[in-house]
N, C-alpha and C. Protein backbone atom coordinates (compact mmCIF):
# COMPACT_ATOMS: atom_id res chain seq x y z
N MET A 1 20.69 11.02 -19.95
CA MET A 1 21.76 10.89 -19.05
C MET A 1 21.18 10.15 -17.98
N LYS A 2 21.91 8.96 -17.13
CA LYS A 2 21.55 8.47 -16.27
C LYS A 2 22.06 8.78 -14.84
N LEU A 3 21.49 9.45 -14.04
CA LEU A 3 22.42 10.04 -12.84
C LEU A 3 22.88 8.98 -11.94
N ASN A 4 24.24 9.35 -11.65
CA ASN A 4 24.50 7.76 -10.32
C ASN A 4 25.33 8.87 -9.40
N ARG A 5 25.72 8.41 -8.37
CA ARG A 5 26.15 8.77 -6.93
C ARG A 5 27.48 9.42 -7.34
N VAL A 6 28.15 9.49 -8.43
CA VAL A 6 29.35 10.16 -8.65
C VAL A 6 29.05 11.68 -8.98
N THR A 7 27.95 11.51 -9.94
CA THR A 7 27.88 12.92 -10.14
C THR A 7 26.77 13.56 -9.78
N ILE A 8 26.08 13.36 -8.60
CA ILE A 8 25.67 13.95 -7.56
C ILE A 8 26.12 14.34 -6.41
N SER A 9 26.22 15.69 -6.50
CA SER A 9 26.74 16.23 -4.82
C SER A 9 26.11 15.64 -3.58
N GLU A 10 26.36 15.94 -2.56
CA GLU A 10 26.46 15.27 -1.52
C GLU A 10 25.28 16.39 -1.28
N ALA A 11 24.99 17.21 -1.14
CA ALA A 11 23.96 18.28 -0.72
C ALA A 11 22.70 17.53 -1.65
N SER A 12 22.76 17.57 -3.04
CA SER A 12 21.54 17.06 -3.69
C SER A 12 21.46 15.76 -3.54
N ARG A 13 22.01 14.61 -2.89
CA ARG A 13 21.91 13.69 -2.57
C ARG A 13 21.01 13.79 -1.44
N ARG A 14 21.27 14.13 -0.32
CA ARG A 14 20.64 14.72 0.76
C ARG A 14 18.99 15.11 0.31
N ARG A 15 19.10 16.47 -0.41
CA ARG A 15 17.92 17.01 -0.72
C ARG A 15 17.05 15.71 -1.52
N ARG A 16 17.68 14.59 -2.56
CA ARG A 16 16.83 13.89 -2.88
C ARG A 16 15.99 12.54 -1.93
N SER A 17 17.07 12.81 -0.98
CA SER A 17 16.63 11.43 0.16
C SER A 17 15.42 12.06 1.24
N ARG A 18 15.59 13.22 1.08
CA ARG A 18 14.44 13.94 2.15
C ARG A 18 12.84 14.10 0.98
N VAL A 19 13.66 14.16 -0.28
CA VAL A 19 12.00 14.34 -1.19
C VAL A 19 11.36 12.79 -0.76
N ALA A 20 12.33 11.72 -0.88
CA ALA A 20 12.05 10.64 -1.37
C ALA A 20 11.10 10.18 0.09
N GLN A 21 12.04 10.55 1.25
CA GLN A 21 11.28 10.23 2.55
C GLN A 21 9.71 10.90 2.70
N LEU A 22 9.63 12.08 2.10
CA LEU A 22 8.35 12.94 2.27
C LEU A 22 7.45 12.14 1.43
N VAL A 23 7.69 12.05 0.32
CA VAL A 23 6.70 11.27 -0.68
C VAL A 23 6.00 10.06 -0.33
N HIS A 24 7.06 9.27 0.03
CA HIS A 24 6.67 7.84 0.80
C HIS A 24 5.93 7.75 1.89
N SER A 25 6.18 8.42 3.26
CA SER A 25 5.96 8.37 4.14
C SER A 25 5.23 9.23 5.32
N LYS A 26 4.92 10.40 4.69
CA LYS A 26 4.28 11.47 4.92
C LYS A 26 3.34 12.25 4.66
N ARG A 27 2.29 12.53 5.28
CA ARG A 27 0.99 13.32 4.39
C ARG A 27 1.17 14.35 3.92
N LEU A 28 0.87 14.77 2.50
CA LEU A 28 1.22 16.41 1.92
C LEU A 28 0.18 16.81 1.62
N LEU A 29 -0.38 17.99 1.90
CA LEU A 29 -1.42 18.90 1.83
C LEU A 29 -0.92 20.08 1.39
N ARG A 30 -1.59 20.58 0.21
CA ARG A 30 -1.52 21.79 -0.29
C ARG A 30 -2.68 22.76 0.23
N GLY A 31 -2.29 23.97 0.92
CA GLY A 31 -3.18 24.75 1.21
C GLY A 31 -2.81 25.63 2.17
N THR A 32 -3.65 26.45 2.89
CA THR A 32 -3.66 27.60 3.81
C THR A 32 -4.48 27.32 4.68
N LEU A 33 -4.16 27.61 6.19
CA LEU A 33 -5.12 27.40 7.34
C LEU A 33 -5.51 29.19 7.74
N THR A 34 -6.96 28.98 7.50
CA THR A 34 -7.43 30.24 8.13
C THR A 34 -8.53 30.32 8.98
N VAL A 35 -8.46 31.22 9.86
CA VAL A 35 -9.40 31.02 11.00
C VAL A 35 -10.61 32.27 10.65
N ARG A 36 -11.74 31.65 10.62
CA ARG A 36 -13.16 32.12 10.31
C ARG A 36 -13.94 32.63 11.36
N GLU A 37 -14.57 33.63 11.58
CA GLU A 37 -15.55 33.95 12.60
C GLU A 37 -17.03 33.59 12.16
N VAL A 38 -17.76 32.92 12.71
CA VAL A 38 -19.17 32.89 12.13
C VAL A 38 -20.14 32.81 12.98
N ILE A 39 -21.28 33.29 12.64
CA ILE A 39 -22.52 33.13 13.68
C ILE A 39 -23.51 31.86 13.20
N CYS A 40 -23.95 31.45 14.52
CA CYS A 40 -24.58 30.33 13.62
C CYS A 40 -25.80 30.27 13.86
N GLY A 41 -26.14 31.31 14.36
CA GLY A 41 -27.71 31.44 14.25
C GLY A 41 -28.88 30.86 15.21
N LYS A 42 -28.25 30.36 16.04
CA LYS A 42 -29.13 29.58 17.32
C LYS A 42 -29.35 30.66 18.10
N ALA A 43 -30.49 31.02 18.23
CA ALA A 43 -31.15 32.15 19.50
C ALA A 43 -30.54 32.03 20.92
N GLY A 44 -30.22 30.97 21.44
CA GLY A 44 -29.50 30.74 22.67
C GLY A 44 -28.02 31.12 22.41
N CYS A 45 -27.37 30.85 21.45
CA CYS A 45 -26.04 30.58 21.42
C CYS A 45 -25.14 32.09 21.90
N ARG A 46 -24.12 31.87 22.24
CA ARG A 46 -23.64 33.00 22.77
C ARG A 46 -22.81 33.84 21.27
N CYS A 47 -23.12 33.22 20.11
CA CYS A 47 -22.63 34.28 18.96
C CYS A 47 -24.04 35.04 18.83
N ALA A 48 -24.95 34.92 19.17
CA ALA A 48 -26.39 35.62 18.92
C ALA A 48 -26.00 36.94 19.68
N SER A 49 -25.30 36.92 20.56
CA SER A 49 -25.06 38.69 21.41
C SER A 49 -23.83 39.15 20.95
N GLY A 50 -23.02 38.65 19.89
CA GLY A 50 -21.81 39.16 19.53
C GLY A 50 -20.34 38.61 19.61
N GLU A 51 -20.77 37.48 20.17
CA GLU A 51 -19.15 36.40 20.40
C GLU A 51 -19.16 35.52 19.25
N PRO A 52 -18.78 35.63 17.85
CA PRO A 52 -18.61 34.50 17.11
C PRO A 52 -17.72 33.66 17.43
N HIS A 53 -18.34 32.09 16.81
CA HIS A 53 -17.51 30.93 16.95
C HIS A 53 -16.52 31.31 15.52
N ALA A 54 -15.14 30.77 16.37
CA ALA A 54 -13.91 30.84 15.60
C ALA A 54 -13.88 29.26 15.17
N GLY A 55 -13.62 29.18 13.52
CA GLY A 55 -13.31 27.57 13.21
C GLY A 55 -12.38 27.85 12.35
N LEU A 56 -11.46 26.69 12.49
CA LEU A 56 -10.22 26.69 11.52
C LEU A 56 -10.69 25.78 10.19
N TYR A 57 -10.07 27.18 8.95
CA TYR A 57 -10.83 26.38 7.63
C TYR A 57 -9.69 26.04 6.78
N LEU A 58 -9.51 25.21 6.02
CA LEU A 58 -8.54 25.00 5.22
C LEU A 58 -8.98 25.56 3.81
N THR A 59 -8.04 26.18 3.19
CA THR A 59 -8.43 27.11 1.69
C THR A 59 -7.26 26.49 0.65
N GLN A 60 -7.78 26.45 -0.54
CA GLN A 60 -7.22 26.05 -1.43
C GLN A 60 -7.72 26.69 -3.01
N SER A 61 -6.89 26.68 -3.84
CA SER A 61 -7.60 27.64 -5.05
C SER A 61 -7.24 26.25 -6.05
N LYS A 62 -8.60 25.81 -6.69
CA LYS A 62 -8.52 24.78 -7.53
C LYS A 62 -8.66 25.77 -9.04
N GLY A 63 -8.87 25.54 -10.31
CA GLY A 63 -8.95 25.87 -11.26
C GLY A 63 -9.88 27.23 -11.21
N GLY A 64 -9.44 28.18 -10.49
CA GLY A 64 -9.27 29.85 -10.31
C GLY A 64 -10.37 30.05 -9.60
N LYS A 65 -10.91 28.80 -8.70
CA LYS A 65 -11.69 28.99 -7.66
C LYS A 65 -11.38 28.40 -6.20
N THR A 66 -11.55 29.01 -5.05
CA THR A 66 -11.19 29.06 -3.68
C THR A 66 -12.37 27.89 -3.23
N LEU A 67 -11.66 27.00 -2.76
CA LEU A 67 -12.49 25.83 -1.83
C LEU A 67 -11.92 26.00 -0.46
N GLN A 68 -13.00 25.58 0.41
CA GLN A 68 -12.83 25.76 1.66
C GLN A 68 -13.12 24.75 2.57
N LEU A 69 -12.76 23.93 3.26
CA LEU A 69 -12.85 22.65 4.45
C LEU A 69 -12.92 22.92 5.85
N TYR A 70 -13.86 22.79 6.47
CA TYR A 70 -13.83 22.88 7.79
C TYR A 70 -12.79 21.99 8.37
N VAL A 71 -11.52 22.41 9.51
CA VAL A 71 -10.91 21.32 10.03
C VAL A 71 -11.48 21.12 11.35
N PRO A 72 -11.78 19.85 11.87
CA PRO A 72 -12.13 20.10 12.93
C PRO A 72 -10.92 20.18 14.24
N LYS A 73 -11.15 20.37 15.23
CA LYS A 73 -9.97 20.84 16.07
C LYS A 73 -9.14 19.05 16.21
N ARG A 74 -9.75 18.02 16.21
CA ARG A 74 -8.70 16.88 16.44
C ARG A 74 -8.24 16.64 15.12
N PHE A 75 -8.57 17.53 13.94
CA PHE A 75 -7.45 17.37 13.05
C PHE A 75 -6.83 18.34 12.67
N GLU A 76 -6.43 18.85 13.54
CA GLU A 76 -5.59 20.35 13.55
C GLU A 76 -4.11 20.23 13.27
N GLU A 77 -3.47 19.49 13.96
CA GLU A 77 -2.19 18.83 13.95
C GLU A 77 -1.83 18.26 12.58
N ARG A 78 -2.72 17.35 12.41
CA ARG A 78 -2.18 16.40 11.16
C ARG A 78 -2.30 17.32 9.93
N VAL A 79 -3.61 18.12 10.07
CA VAL A 79 -3.25 18.94 8.64
C VAL A 79 -2.53 20.06 8.56
N ARG A 80 -1.80 20.72 10.14
CA ARG A 80 -0.91 21.56 9.84
C ARG A 80 0.21 20.83 9.56
N GLN A 81 0.79 19.54 9.95
CA GLN A 81 1.88 18.84 9.31
C GLN A 81 1.62 18.45 8.28
N ALA A 82 1.10 18.28 7.26
CA ALA A 82 0.57 17.95 5.88
C ALA A 82 1.00 18.82 5.45
N ILE A 83 0.15 19.97 5.69
CA ILE A 83 0.67 21.07 5.00
C ILE A 83 2.37 21.35 4.81
N ASP A 84 2.91 21.45 6.27
CA ASP A 84 4.33 21.92 6.26
C ASP A 84 5.38 20.83 5.48
N ASN A 85 4.69 19.74 5.68
CA ASN A 85 5.42 18.61 4.87
C ASN A 85 5.46 19.20 3.49
N TYR A 86 4.02 19.48 2.70
CA TYR A 86 4.23 19.97 1.15
C TYR A 86 4.88 21.13 1.27
N GLN A 87 5.02 22.33 2.14
CA GLN A 87 6.05 23.30 1.54
C GLN A 87 7.44 22.89 1.61
N GLU A 88 7.98 21.94 2.48
CA GLU A 88 9.01 21.32 2.60
C GLU A 88 9.51 20.85 1.42
N LEU A 89 8.49 20.03 0.71
CA LEU A 89 8.68 19.09 -0.63
C LEU A 89 8.77 20.21 -1.26
N GLN A 90 7.92 21.08 -1.62
CA GLN A 90 8.13 22.26 -2.60
C GLN A 90 9.22 22.83 -2.67
N ARG A 91 10.13 23.35 -1.72
CA ARG A 91 11.36 24.19 -0.91
C ARG A 91 12.40 23.25 -1.96
N LEU A 92 11.92 22.13 -1.32
CA LEU A 92 13.41 20.92 -1.80
C LEU A 92 13.15 21.06 -3.15
N ILE A 93 12.19 20.71 -3.73
CA ILE A 93 12.09 20.49 -5.53
C ILE A 93 12.46 21.88 -5.95
N GLU A 94 12.55 23.04 -5.53
CA GLU A 94 12.92 24.18 -5.89
C GLU A 94 13.90 24.05 -6.24
N GLU A 95 15.06 23.69 -4.82
CA GLU A 95 16.51 24.04 -4.78
C GLU A 95 17.18 22.86 -5.73
N LEU A 96 16.30 21.47 -6.06
CA LEU A 96 16.94 20.57 -7.08
C LEU A 96 16.82 21.66 -8.11
N SER A 97 15.67 22.08 -8.45
CA SER A 97 15.68 22.39 -10.10
C SER A 97 16.56 23.48 -10.16
N GLU A 98 16.91 24.83 -9.10
CA GLU A 98 17.64 25.24 -9.10
C GLU A 98 19.13 24.87 -9.71
N GLN A 99 19.62 23.57 -9.06
CA GLN A 99 21.12 23.37 -8.90
C GLN A 99 21.09 22.70 -10.26
N GLU A 100 20.18 22.22 -10.72
CA GLU A 100 20.15 21.62 -12.45
C GLU A 100 20.41 22.69 -13.47
N TRP A 101 19.52 24.04 -13.24
CA TRP A 101 19.62 25.15 -13.81
C TRP A 101 21.14 25.69 -13.78
N LYS A 102 21.78 25.87 -12.68
CA LYS A 102 23.26 26.49 -12.49
C LYS A 102 24.02 25.13 -13.47
N SER A 103 23.84 23.96 -13.26
CA SER A 103 24.67 23.15 -13.80
C SER A 103 24.60 23.00 -15.08
N LEU A 104 23.30 23.19 -15.78
CA LEU A 104 23.16 23.26 -17.43
C LEU A 104 23.60 24.79 -17.68
N LYS A 105 23.60 25.53 -17.23
CA LYS A 105 23.92 27.02 -17.27
C LYS A 105 25.90 26.94 -18.07
N ALA A 106 26.31 25.91 -16.52
CA ALA A 106 27.66 26.05 -16.76
C ALA A 106 28.29 24.72 -17.87
N ARG A 107 27.34 24.46 -18.04
CA ARG A 107 27.50 22.95 -18.90
C ARG A 107 28.24 21.91 -18.38
N LYS A 108 27.69 21.77 -17.19
CA LYS A 108 28.35 20.65 -16.24
C LYS A 108 27.59 19.31 -16.71
N ASP A 109 28.15 18.45 -16.21
CA ASP A 109 27.49 16.87 -16.21
C ASP A 109 26.51 16.46 -14.84
């Protein structure tokens, strides 16, 4: 069955429009940012005296394994925004799916 403007609610149209906007014009990234403290091992470094370096890492689970990627400061905002965009897209898709579930349950077109 083909969907048209008449059969789609205004709320659904807004969600679908936002989904298209995110997919076509925004960076998307699945993952979580975590801060790790590391000791570099250089003799003259402050971490040798107990002040470890704080580093930002992107973590992602793939195929049962956790992958980690160091995120330099200059990419932090870009990565944060891409993760936020991905999470918004995921939420919108869940809302559209829930709406379709309810429609099928009520046997509506």
